[in-house]
Amino acid sequence: MDSFRRLNPRAWGFTCPAKAPAGRIDYIFASPELARRLSTCHVVTEANGVYGDQASYHLPVLAEFSESVGSERDLRIGAS
């Protein structure tokens, strides 16, 4: 399961900075069991005063997972 898309169903989430970005090329995939513990997932565009496009050709994707499964409402976030 695509962790970013699960929590950000409508965000572009481009990870390759360009004048005309065409798609996402960096992902964090999780099994359905692990995806139930997904608490946040986003594209890192800046950290410690350095913009991502200055550090690499790709922007990193960061996902955090909780130690326990969230509520049933949390499980439906991002579901289509």
C-alpha atoms as a PDB file:
ATOM      1  CA  MET A   1       0.000   0.000   0.000  1.00  0.00           C
ATOM      2  CA  ASP A   2       1.272   3.470  -0.901  1.00  0.00           C
ATOM      3  CA  SER A   3       1.670   5.220   2.482  1.00  0.00           C
ATOM      4  CA  PHE A   4       1.684   8.756   1.101  1.00  0.00           C
ATOM      5  CA  ARG A   5      -1.434   8.265  -1.015  1.00  0.00           C
ATOM      6  CA  ARG A   6      -3.302   6.588   1.882  1.00  0.00           C
ATOM      7  CA  LEU A   7      -3.068   9.744   4.001  1.00  0.00           C
ATOM      8  CA  ASN A   8      -2.893  12.308   1.193  1.00  0.00           C
ATOM      9  CA  PRO A   9      -5.353  11.112  -1.448  1.00  0.00           C
ATOM     10  CA  ARG A  10      -5.515  14.422  -3.337  1.00  0.00           C
ATOM     11  CA  ALA A  11      -2.011  15.855  -2.817  1.00  0.00           C
ATOM     12  CA  TRP A  12       0.430  15.771  -5.707  1.00  0.00           C
ATOM     13  CA  GLY A  13       3.376  14.685  -3.563  1.00  0.00           C
ATOM     14  CA  PHE A  14       6.024  15.205  -6.231  1.00  0.00           C
ATOM     15  CA  THR A  15       9.439  14.023  -5.034  1.00  0.00           C
ATOM     16  CA  CYS A  16      11.586  15.113  -7.969  1.00  0.00           C
ATOM     17  CA  PRO A  17      11.841  18.919  -7.977  1.00  0.00           C
ATOM     18  CA  ALA A  18      11.543  20.321 -11.476  1.00  0.00           C
ATOM     19  CA  LYS A  19      10.015  23.291 -13.248  1.00  0.00           C
ATOM     20  CA  ALA A  20       7.299  20.989 -14.586  1.00  0.00           C
ATOM     21  CA  PRO A  21       7.039  17.940 -12.296  1.00  0.00           C
ATOM     22  CA  ALA A  22       5.262  15.050 -13.959  1.00  0.00           C
ATOM     23  CA  GLY A  23       4.741  12.496 -11.203  1.00  0.00           C
ATOM     24  CA  ARG A  24       5.843  10.827  -8.026  1.00  0.00           C
ATOM     25  CA  ILE A  25       8.905   8.619  -8.209  1.00  0.00           C
ATOM     26  CA  ASP A  26       9.686   7.951  -4.526  1.00  0.00           C
ATOM     27  CA  TYR A  27       7.403   5.847  -2.345  1.00  0.00           C
ATOM     28  CA  ILE A  28       7.088   4.131   1.012  1.00  0.00           C
ATOM     29  CA  PHE A  29       5.068   0.968   0.678  1.00  0.00           C
ATOM     30  CA  ALA A  30       3.541  -0.820   3.662  1.00  0.00           C
ATOM     31  CA  SER A  31       1.712  -4.089   4.055  1.00  0.00           C
ATOM     32  CA  PRO A  32      -2.003  -3.755   4.904  1.00  0.00           C
ATOM     33  CA  GLU A  33      -1.193  -4.745   8.494  1.00  0.00           C
ATOM     34  CA  LEU A  34       1.489  -2.071   8.860  1.00  0.00           C
ATOM     35  CA  ALA A  35      -0.577   0.534   6.994  1.00  0.00           C
ATOM     36  CA  ARG A  36      -3.184   0.342   9.780  1.00  0.00           C
ATOM     37  CA  ARG A  37      -0.537   1.820  12.086  1.00  0.00           C
ATOM     38  CA  LEU A  38       0.426   4.642   9.695  1.00  0.00           C
ATOM     39  CA  SER A  39       0.168   7.938  11.568  1.00  0.00           C
ATOM     40  CA  THR A  40       1.774  10.410   9.150  1.00  0.00           C
ATOM     41  CA  CYS A  41       3.439  10.474   5.755  1.00  0.00           C
ATOM     42  CA  HIS A  42       4.729  13.496   3.865  1.00  0.00           C
ATOM     43  CA  VAL A  43       7.319  14.715   1.400  1.00  0.00           C
ATOM     44  CA  VAL A  44      10.168  16.510   3.187  1.00  0.00           C
ATOM     45  CA  THR A  45      10.786  19.796   1.404  1.00  0.00           C
ATOM     46  CA  GLU A  46      12.984  21.456   4.061  1.00  0.00           C
ATOM     47  CA  ALA A  47      14.864  20.359   7.169  1.00  0.00           C
ATOM     48  CA  ASN A  48      17.432  22.078   9.361  1.00  0.00           C
ATOM     49  CA  GLY A  49      17.378  25.119   7.078  1.00  0.00           C
ATOM     50  CA  VAL A  50      18.264  23.133   3.944  1.00  0.00           C
ATOM     51  CA  TYR A  51      15.729  22.821   1.155  1.00  0.00           C
ATOM     52  CA  GLY A  52      15.349  19.318  -0.196  1.00  0.00           C
ATOM     53  CA  ASP A  53      16.174  20.241  -3.770  1.00  0.00           C
ATOM     54  CA  GLN A  54      19.524  21.627  -2.561  1.00  0.00           C
ATOM     55  CA  ALA A  55      20.424  18.363  -0.827  1.00  0.00           C
ATOM     56  CA  SER A  56      19.468  15.857  -3.518  1.00  0.00           C
ATOM     57  CA  TYR A  57      17.790  15.343  -6.868  1.00  0.00           C
ATOM     58  CA  HIS A  58      14.942  13.667  -4.970  1.00  0.00           C
ATOM     59  CA  LEU A  59      12.890  14.852  -2.019  1.00  0.00           C
ATOM     60  CA  PRO A  60      12.675  12.283   0.782  1.00  0.00           C
ATOM     61  CA  VAL A  61       9.369  10.769   1.849  1.00  0.00           C
ATOM     62  CA  LEU A  62       8.901  10.344   5.599  1.00  0.00           C
ATOM     63  CA  ALA A  63       6.402   7.950   7.165  1.00  0.00           C
ATOM     64  CA  GLU A  64       5.726   7.358  10.837  1.00  0.00           C
ATOM     65  CA  PHE A  65       3.917   4.350  12.243  1.00  0.00           C
ATOM     66  CA  SER A  66       2.364   4.073  15.693  1.00  0.00           C
ATOM     67  CA  GLU A  67       2.998   1.169  18.019  1.00  0.00           C
ATOM     68  CA  SER A  68      -0.681   0.260  18.059  1.00  0.00           C
ATOM     69  CA  VAL A  69      -3.536   0.314  15.573  1.00  0.00           C
ATOM     70  CA  GLY A  70      -5.675   3.466  15.606  1.00  0.00           C
ATOM     71  CA  SER A  71      -9.428   3.685  15.869  1.00  0.00           C
ATOM     72  CA  GLU A  72     -11.753   2.463  13.119  1.00  0.00           C
ATOM     73  CA  ARG A  73     -12.180   6.109  12.034  1.00  0.00           C
ATOM     74  CA  ASP A  74      -8.392   6.436  11.623  1.00  0.00           C
ATOM     75  CA  LEU A  75      -8.334   3.327   9.439  1.00  0.00           C
ATOM     76  CA  ARG A  76     -10.742   4.924   6.961  1.00  0.00           C
ATOM     77  CA  ILE A  77      -8.593   8.020   6.357  1.00  0.00           C
ATOM     78  CA  GLY A  78      -7.591   8.111   2.733  1.00  0.00           C
ATOM     79  CA  ALA A  79      -9.752   5.157   1.769  1.00  0.00           C
ATOM     80  CA  SER A  80     -11.669   5.607  -1.447  1.00  0.00           C
END
